Amino acid sequence: MVFVELTDQRIVGFPANRFRRLRDASDSELAEVRLEVGGTALRWESLDEDLTVEGVVAGRFQLPPGRG
């Protein structure tokens, strides 16, 4: 699971296995996330993955539940 704390203090979590490049990542690789674009994007440099906070909150995932 990846958790993001929003500016309104809500914490949103999503399963990493819903994204192709995150599903096989180790916990330490997932922990290497950076906020970018004024806090609106998540960036994993070593995994070459970028996600928008808006997309995650809206539930726009690449893969259906149970894969990976």
C-alpha atoms as a PDB file:
ATOM      1  CA  MET A   1       0.000   0.000   0.000  1.00  0.00           C
ATOM      2  CA  VAL A   2       1.035   3.549  -0.712  1.00  0.00           C
ATOM      3  CA  PHE A   3      -0.363   6.300   1.504  1.00  0.00           C
ATOM      4  CA  VAL A   4      -0.568  10.008   0.669  1.00  0.00           C
ATOM      5  CA  GLU A   5      -1.500  12.721   3.147  1.00  0.00           C
ATOM      6  CA  LEU A   6      -3.514  15.459   1.439  1.00  0.00           C
ATOM      7  CA  THR A   7      -3.400  19.147   2.325  1.00  0.00           C
ATOM      8  CA  ASP A   8      -6.771  18.832   4.098  1.00  0.00           C
ATOM      9  CA  GLN A   9      -5.231  16.212   6.437  1.00  0.00           C
ATOM     10  CA  ARG A  10      -6.985  13.211   4.824  1.00  0.00           C
ATOM     11  CA  ILE A  11      -4.830  10.158   4.219  1.00  0.00           C
ATOM     12  CA  VAL A  12      -5.537   8.257   1.025  1.00  0.00           C
ATOM     13  CA  GLY A  13      -4.099   4.800   0.435  1.00  0.00           C
ATOM     14  CA  PHE A  14      -3.946   2.736  -2.709  1.00  0.00           C
ATOM     15  CA  PRO A  15      -2.539  -0.704  -3.523  1.00  0.00           C
ATOM     16  CA  ALA A  16       0.718  -0.488  -5.447  1.00  0.00           C
ATOM     17  CA  ASN A  17      -0.235  -3.586  -7.447  1.00  0.00           C
ATOM     18  CA  ARG A  18      -2.835  -1.543  -9.331  1.00  0.00           C
ATOM     19  CA  PHE A  19       0.011   0.046 -11.362  1.00  0.00           C
ATOM     20  CA  ARG A  20       2.306  -1.883 -13.712  1.00  0.00           C
ATOM     21  CA  ARG A  21       5.575  -0.297 -12.626  1.00  0.00           C
ATOM     22  CA  LEU A  22       4.769  -0.354  -8.919  1.00  0.00           C
ATOM     23  CA  ARG A  23       3.316  -3.852  -8.548  1.00  0.00           C
ATOM     24  CA  ASP A  24       6.677  -5.654  -8.256  1.00  0.00           C
ATOM     25  CA  ALA A  25       8.487  -2.880  -6.375  1.00  0.00           C
ATOM     26  CA  SER A  26       9.957  -3.546  -2.956  1.00  0.00           C
ATOM     27  CA  ASP A  27       8.843  -1.587   0.092  1.00  0.00           C
ATOM     28  CA  SER A  28      12.111   0.350  -0.002  1.00  0.00           C
ATOM     29  CA  GLU A  29      11.584   1.241  -3.675  1.00  0.00           C
ATOM     30  CA  LEU A  30       8.023   2.394  -2.955  1.00  0.00           C
ATOM     31  CA  ALA A  31       9.314   4.541  -0.096  1.00  0.00           C
ATOM     32  CA  GLU A  32      11.517   6.496  -2.533  1.00  0.00           C
ATOM     33  CA  VAL A  33       8.574   8.536  -3.800  1.00  0.00           C
ATOM     34  CA  ARG A  34       8.841  12.320  -4.249  1.00  0.00           C
ATOM     35  CA  LEU A  35       6.147  14.944  -4.550  1.00  0.00           C
ATOM     36  CA  GLU A  36       6.514  17.030  -7.685  1.00  0.00           C
ATOM     37  CA  VAL A  37       4.632  19.641  -9.737  1.00  0.00           C
ATOM     38  CA  GLY A  38       3.655  21.674  -6.698  1.00  0.00           C
ATOM     39  CA  GLY A  39       2.536  18.603  -4.750  1.00  0.00           C
ATOM     40  CA  THR A  40       0.159  17.343  -7.440  1.00  0.00           C
ATOM     41  CA  ALA A  41       2.254  14.418  -8.708  1.00  0.00           C
ATOM     42  CA  LEU A  42       4.029  11.397  -7.243  1.00  0.00           C
ATOM     43  CA  ARG A  43       7.394  10.459  -8.787  1.00  0.00           C
ATOM     44  CA  TRP A  44       9.395   7.242  -8.377  1.00  0.00           C
ATOM     45  CA  GLU A  45      12.658   7.992 -10.186  1.00  0.00           C
ATOM     46  CA  SER A  46      14.140   4.480  -9.914  1.00  0.00           C
ATOM     47  CA  LEU A  47      10.904   2.920 -11.202  1.00  0.00           C
ATOM     48  CA  ASP A  48      10.321   5.619 -13.863  1.00  0.00           C
ATOM     49  CA  GLU A  49       6.724   6.076 -12.669  1.00  0.00           C
ATOM     50  CA  ASP A  50       4.650   9.239 -12.329  1.00  0.00           C
ATOM     51  CA  LEU A  51       1.117   9.396 -10.943  1.00  0.00           C
ATOM     52  CA  THR A  52      -1.121  12.354 -10.297  1.00  0.00           C
ATOM     53  CA  VAL A  53      -2.557  12.759  -6.821  1.00  0.00           C
ATOM     54  CA  GLU A  54      -5.882  13.624  -8.459  1.00  0.00           C
ATOM     55  CA  GLY A  55      -5.879  10.343 -10.406  1.00  0.00           C
ATOM     56  CA  VAL A  56      -5.116   8.264  -7.329  1.00  0.00           C
ATOM     57  CA  VAL A  57      -7.832   9.992  -5.270  1.00  0.00           C
ATOM     58  CA  ALA A  58     -10.299   9.458  -8.132  1.00  0.00           C
ATOM     59  CA  GLY A  59      -9.396   5.757  -8.290  1.00  0.00           C
ATOM     60  CA  ARG A  60      -7.954   5.825 -11.807  1.00  0.00           C
ATOM     61  CA  PHE A  61      -5.770   2.731 -11.730  1.00  0.00           C
ATOM     62  CA  GLN A  62      -4.054   0.873 -14.587  1.00  0.00           C
ATOM     63  CA  LEU A  63      -4.860  -2.649 -13.453  1.00  0.00           C
ATOM     64  CA  PRO A  64      -7.966  -4.297 -11.999  1.00  0.00           C
ATOM     65  CA  PRO A  65      -7.922  -5.627  -8.411  1.00  0.00           C
ATOM     66  CA  GLY A  66      -6.170  -8.917  -7.807  1.00  0.00           C
ATOM     67  CA  ARG A  67      -3.483  -8.704 -10.535  1.00  0.00           C
ATOM     68  CA  GLY A  68       0.222  -8.671  -9.954  1.00  0.00           C
END
